[in-house]
Amino acid sequence: MQNEMMYRPIVNQQVLDFMRTRQGEFPGSLGVLEAEAHQAGVPIIPHETAKFIDLLCMIYQPQQILEIGTAVGFSASLLAQHIGSEGLVTTIDRYDLMAKKAKENFDKLGLTDKIKLIEGDAVDILPTLSGPYDLIFMDSAKAKYVEFLPECLRLLKRGGLLLIDDVFQAGTVFDAEEQIPKRVRKIHRKLNELLDVVEANPALRESYLPLGDGLLIVRKENN
């Protein structure tokens, strides 16, 4: 599975090269995992997004974290670096092969006591969770984001952060639907619906960052 978003960023090449080469590699086994995933074309978050999330977690210090979309476990491992002894990263993935590789990587990094991987479809799993979570990171099926949103907001604590990855689709999210290839029109339509829903909700405060293929940050202002 190739990481298509790595090759269609929304900033120019000079800026992208700067963010991916001047921001140093992650130390130790986490850096090795990132490098191996990029080399294999595995769909993990790009380096500039990872660096931002790393700094954000250093500042915010979330302890209860939920991730939707595990892949090989890089982002869950990154998030787990910032939690204390009572913290936990809960991550959800529906693909058996990815879950198996993620578990192997968690073991290699010594993070099995900090990360709980739940295998299955987030549509079924999210309603069974109770939270509350300090931070939720959504990086999975883009057409499902707007469906996941109500459950994420239910699970997120007041003042908590929701990070939603790949919301710009290389900028094509702003194009007219008839310009979009039919095979990805549902994603286009559902992402636009997501943006409309977030922006219309007075209980949320949002910001967009041109990292990777677009990162949406949402703060839950009240219940």
Protein backbone atom coordinates (compact mmCIF):
# COMPACT_ATOMS: atom_id res chain seq x y z
CA MET A 1 0.00 0.00 0.00
CA GLN A 2 1.67 3.22 -1.13
CA ASN A 3 1.39 6.42 0.88
CA GLU A 4 -0.09 8.57 -1.90
CA MET A 5 -0.30 11.68 0.29
CA MET A 6 3.48 11.76 0.65
CA TYR A 7 3.73 12.69 -3.01
CA ARG A 8 1.05 15.35 -3.34
CA PRO A 9 1.64 17.88 -0.54
CA ILE A 10 -0.16 21.20 -0.45
CA VAL A 11 2.94 23.38 -0.07
CA ASN A 12 5.64 24.03 -2.66
CA GLN A 13 8.59 21.69 -2.99
CA GLN A 14 11.14 24.06 -1.45
CA VAL A 15 9.11 24.48 1.73
CA LEU A 16 8.40 20.75 1.84
CA ASP A 17 12.09 19.84 1.48
CA PHE A 18 12.95 22.25 4.28
CA MET A 19 10.37 20.76 6.66
CA ARG A 20 11.38 17.19 5.87
CA THR A 21 15.17 17.62 5.96
CA ARG A 22 15.88 20.42 8.43
CA GLN A 23 13.69 19.03 11.18
CA GLY A 24 15.82 16.26 12.62
CA GLU A 25 14.99 12.57 12.68
CA PHE A 26 13.35 11.04 15.71
CA PRO A 27 15.87 9.28 17.94
CA GLY A 28 16.30 5.55 18.36
CA SER A 29 13.78 2.93 17.34
CA LEU A 30 11.04 5.47 16.63
CA GLY A 31 13.19 7.08 13.94
CA VAL A 32 14.00 3.67 12.49
CA LEU A 33 10.29 2.81 12.34
CA GLU A 34 9.49 6.08 10.56
CA ALA A 35 12.28 5.62 8.03
CA GLU A 36 11.31 2.01 7.27
CA ALA A 37 7.65 2.93 6.83
CA HIS A 38 8.46 5.77 4.42
CA GLN A 39 10.85 3.57 2.47
CA ALA A 40 8.16 0.90 2.11
CA GLY A 41 5.48 3.45 1.18
CA VAL A 42 3.35 2.61 4.21
CA PRO A 43 0.66 5.27 4.84
CA ILE A 44 1.95 6.93 8.01
CA ILE A 45 1.93 10.64 8.78
CA PRO A 46 4.67 12.62 7.00
CA HIS A 47 7.64 13.92 8.94
CA GLU A 48 6.46 17.52 9.18
CA THR A 49 3.12 16.42 10.66
CA ALA A 50 4.87 14.07 13.08
CA LYS A 51 7.17 16.86 14.25
CA PHE A 52 4.22 19.16 14.89
CA ILE A 53 2.28 16.51 16.83
CA ASP A 54 5.40 15.71 18.83
CA LEU A 55 5.81 19.36 19.90
CA LEU A 56 2.07 19.77 20.52
CA CYS A 57 2.11 16.79 22.89
CA MET A 58 5.18 18.13 24.69
CA ILE A 59 3.23 21.32 25.39
CA TYR A 60 -0.25 19.89 25.98
CA GLN A 61 0.80 16.68 27.79
CA PRO A 62 -2.27 14.54 26.95
CA GLN A 63 -2.48 11.36 29.02
CA GLN A 64 -5.58 9.64 27.65
CA ILE A 65 -5.31 9.47 23.85
CA LEU A 66 -7.47 7.83 21.20
CA GLU A 67 -6.25 7.16 17.68
CA ILE A 68 -8.42 6.03 14.76
CA GLY A 69 -6.18 4.37 12.17
CA THR A 70 -3.10 2.56 13.46
CA ALA A 71 -1.26 1.47 10.28
CA VAL A 72 2.10 0.05 11.45
CA GLY A 73 1.94 1.93 14.74
CA PHE A 74 4.24 4.87 14.12
CA SER A 75 1.90 7.67 15.21
CA ALA A 76 0.62 5.67 18.20
CA SER A 77 4.24 5.11 19.25
CA LEU A 78 4.97 8.81 18.83
CA LEU A 79 1.98 9.74 20.98
CA ALA A 80 2.91 7.15 23.61
CA GLN A 81 6.30 8.82 24.15
CA HIS A 82 4.50 11.65 25.96
CA ILE A 83 2.26 9.83 28.42
CA GLY A 84 3.06 9.02 32.03
CA SER A 85 2.66 5.79 33.96
CA GLU A 86 -1.10 6.26 34.24
CA GLY A 87 -1.58 7.28 30.62
CA LEU A 88 -2.77 5.13 27.72
CA VAL A 89 -2.98 5.38 23.95
CA THR A 90 -5.97 3.46 22.59
CA THR A 91 -5.70 2.87 18.85
CA ILE A 92 -8.19 1.29 16.43
CA ASP A 93 -7.51 -0.47 13.13
CA ARG A 94 -9.60 -2.82 11.03
CA TYR A 95 -6.82 -4.36 8.93
CA ASP A 96 -5.37 -7.60 10.29
CA LEU A 97 -2.02 -7.21 8.58
CA MET A 98 -1.51 -3.66 9.87
CA ALA A 99 -2.57 -4.65 13.38
CA LYS A 100 -0.07 -7.50 13.40
CA LYS A 101 2.79 -5.26 12.27
CA ALA A 102 1.78 -2.56 14.75
CA LYS A 103 1.86 -5.01 17.65
CA GLU A 104 5.31 -6.16 16.60
CA ASN A 105 6.50 -2.55 16.52
CA PHE A 106 4.98 -1.73 19.90
CA ASP A 107 6.87 -4.69 21.33
CA LYS A 108 10.14 -3.58 19.70
CA LEU A 109 9.77 -0.10 21.14
CA GLY A 110 8.81 -1.37 24.60
CA LEU A 111 5.40 0.28 24.47
CA THR A 112 3.02 -2.64 24.95
CA ASP A 113 2.02 -1.36 28.39
CA LYS A 114 1.26 2.13 27.05
CA ILE A 115 -0.73 1.26 23.92
CA LYS A 116 -3.97 -0.69 23.62
CA LEU A 117 -4.80 -1.79 20.08
CA ILE A 118 -8.44 -2.62 19.34
CA GLU A 119 -9.00 -4.52 16.10
CA GLY A 120 -12.19 -3.79 14.20
CA ASP A 121 -14.17 -1.08 12.46
CA ALA A 122 -14.25 2.26 14.28
CA VAL A 123 -17.93 2.60 13.37
CA ASP A 124 -18.63 -0.34 15.68
CA ILE A 125 -15.96 0.34 18.30
CA LEU A 126 -16.36 4.05 19.02
CA PRO A 127 -19.86 3.71 20.57
CA THR A 128 -18.48 1.15 23.04
CA LEU A 129 -15.81 3.51 24.43
CA SER A 130 -16.43 5.78 27.39
CA GLY A 131 -13.47 8.17 27.46
CA PRO A 132 -12.96 10.95 28.24
CA TYR A 133 -9.88 11.54 26.10
CA ASP A 134 -7.51 14.49 26.22
CA LEU A 135 -6.59 14.09 22.57
CA ILE A 136 -8.07 12.18 19.63
CA PHE A 137 -6.15 11.66 16.39
CA MET A 138 -8.21 10.67 13.36
CA ASP A 139 -6.22 9.29 10.41
CA SER A 140 -8.27 6.62 8.70
CA ALA A 141 -10.95 6.33 6.00
CA LYS A 142 -11.51 9.94 4.89
CA ALA A 143 -15.10 9.35 3.81
CA LYS A 144 -15.89 8.16 7.36
CA TYR A 145 -14.55 11.22 9.19
CA VAL A 146 -17.87 13.03 9.35
CA GLU A 147 -19.52 9.83 10.59
CA PHE A 148 -16.90 9.42 13.32
CA LEU A 149 -17.11 13.06 14.39
CA PRO A 150 -20.14 12.90 16.77
CA GLU A 151 -18.64 9.96 18.67
CA CYS A 152 -15.25 11.67 18.84
CA LEU A 153 -16.84 14.80 20.29
CA ARG A 154 -18.75 12.69 22.81
CA LEU A 155 -15.52 11.01 23.91
CA LEU A 156 -13.40 14.16 23.97
CA LYS A 157 -13.15 16.03 27.25
CA ARG A 158 -13.99 19.71 27.46
CA GLY A 159 -10.87 21.56 26.35
CA GLY A 160 -9.62 18.45 24.57
CA LEU A 161 -8.11 18.42 21.09
CA LEU A 162 -9.19 16.52 18.00
CA LEU A 163 -6.63 16.24 15.19
CA ILE A 164 -7.95 15.20 11.77
CA ASP A 165 -5.39 14.37 9.09
CA ASP A 166 -5.49 14.63 5.27
CA VAL A 167 -8.43 17.00 4.99
CA PHE A 168 -7.28 18.93 1.89
CA GLN A 169 -6.66 16.10 -0.61
CA ALA A 170 -3.85 18.06 -2.30
CA GLY A 171 -6.21 21.04 -2.49
CA THR A 172 -8.81 19.20 -4.59
CA VAL A 173 -11.29 19.35 -1.71
CA PHE A 174 -12.04 22.90 -2.89
CA ASP A 175 -12.76 21.89 -6.50
CA ALA A 176 -16.24 21.43 -7.91
CA GLU A 177 -17.43 17.85 -7.53
CA GLU A 178 -17.77 17.33 -11.29
CA GLN A 179 -14.03 17.94 -11.60
CA ILE A 180 -13.27 15.09 -9.21
CA PRO A 181 -12.72 11.52 -10.52
CA LYS A 182 -15.78 9.42 -9.81
CA ARG A 183 -13.82 6.90 -7.74
CA VAL A 184 -13.02 9.56 -5.10
CA ARG A 185 -16.13 11.74 -5.26
CA LYS A 186 -17.52 10.26 -2.05
CA ILE A 187 -14.34 11.23 -0.20
CA HIS A 188 -14.54 14.72 -1.71
CA ARG A 189 -18.19 15.12 -0.72
CA LYS A 190 -17.75 13.75 2.81
CA LEU A 191 -14.68 15.85 3.56
CA ASN A 192 -16.55 19.00 2.50
CA GLU A 193 -19.41 17.91 4.72
CA LEU A 194 -16.97 17.48 7.60
CA LEU A 195 -15.55 20.97 7.17
CA ASP A 196 -19.05 22.46 7.04
CA VAL A 197 -20.15 20.61 10.18
CA VAL A 198 -17.07 21.62 12.17
CA GLU A 199 -17.27 25.27 11.15
CA ALA A 200 -21.00 25.47 11.96
CA ASN A 201 -20.62 24.05 15.49
CA PRO A 202 -20.41 26.88 18.06
CA ALA A 203 -19.02 24.47 20.65
CA LEU A 204 -15.84 24.02 18.61
CA ARG A 205 -12.85 26.15 17.76
CA GLU A 206 -10.87 25.03 14.71
CA SER A 207 -7.67 25.79 12.85
CA TYR A 208 -6.10 24.39 9.68
CA LEU A 209 -2.42 23.72 9.10
CA PRO A 210 -0.83 23.05 5.67
CA LEU A 211 1.14 20.07 6.94
CA GLY A 212 1.21 16.90 4.85
CA ASP A 213 -2.14 16.87 3.10
CA GLY A 214 -3.77 19.22 5.58
CA LEU A 215 -4.28 18.93 9.33
CA LEU A 216 -7.46 20.16 11.02
CA ILE A 217 -7.20 20.93 14.73
CA VAL A 218 -10.43 21.17 16.73
CA ARG A 219 -10.78 22.21 20.36
CA LYS A 220 -13.92 21.24 22.22
CA GLU A 221 -14.96 24.42 24.00
CA ASN A 222 -17.92 23.02 25.94
CA ASN A 223 -20.10 19.95 26.24
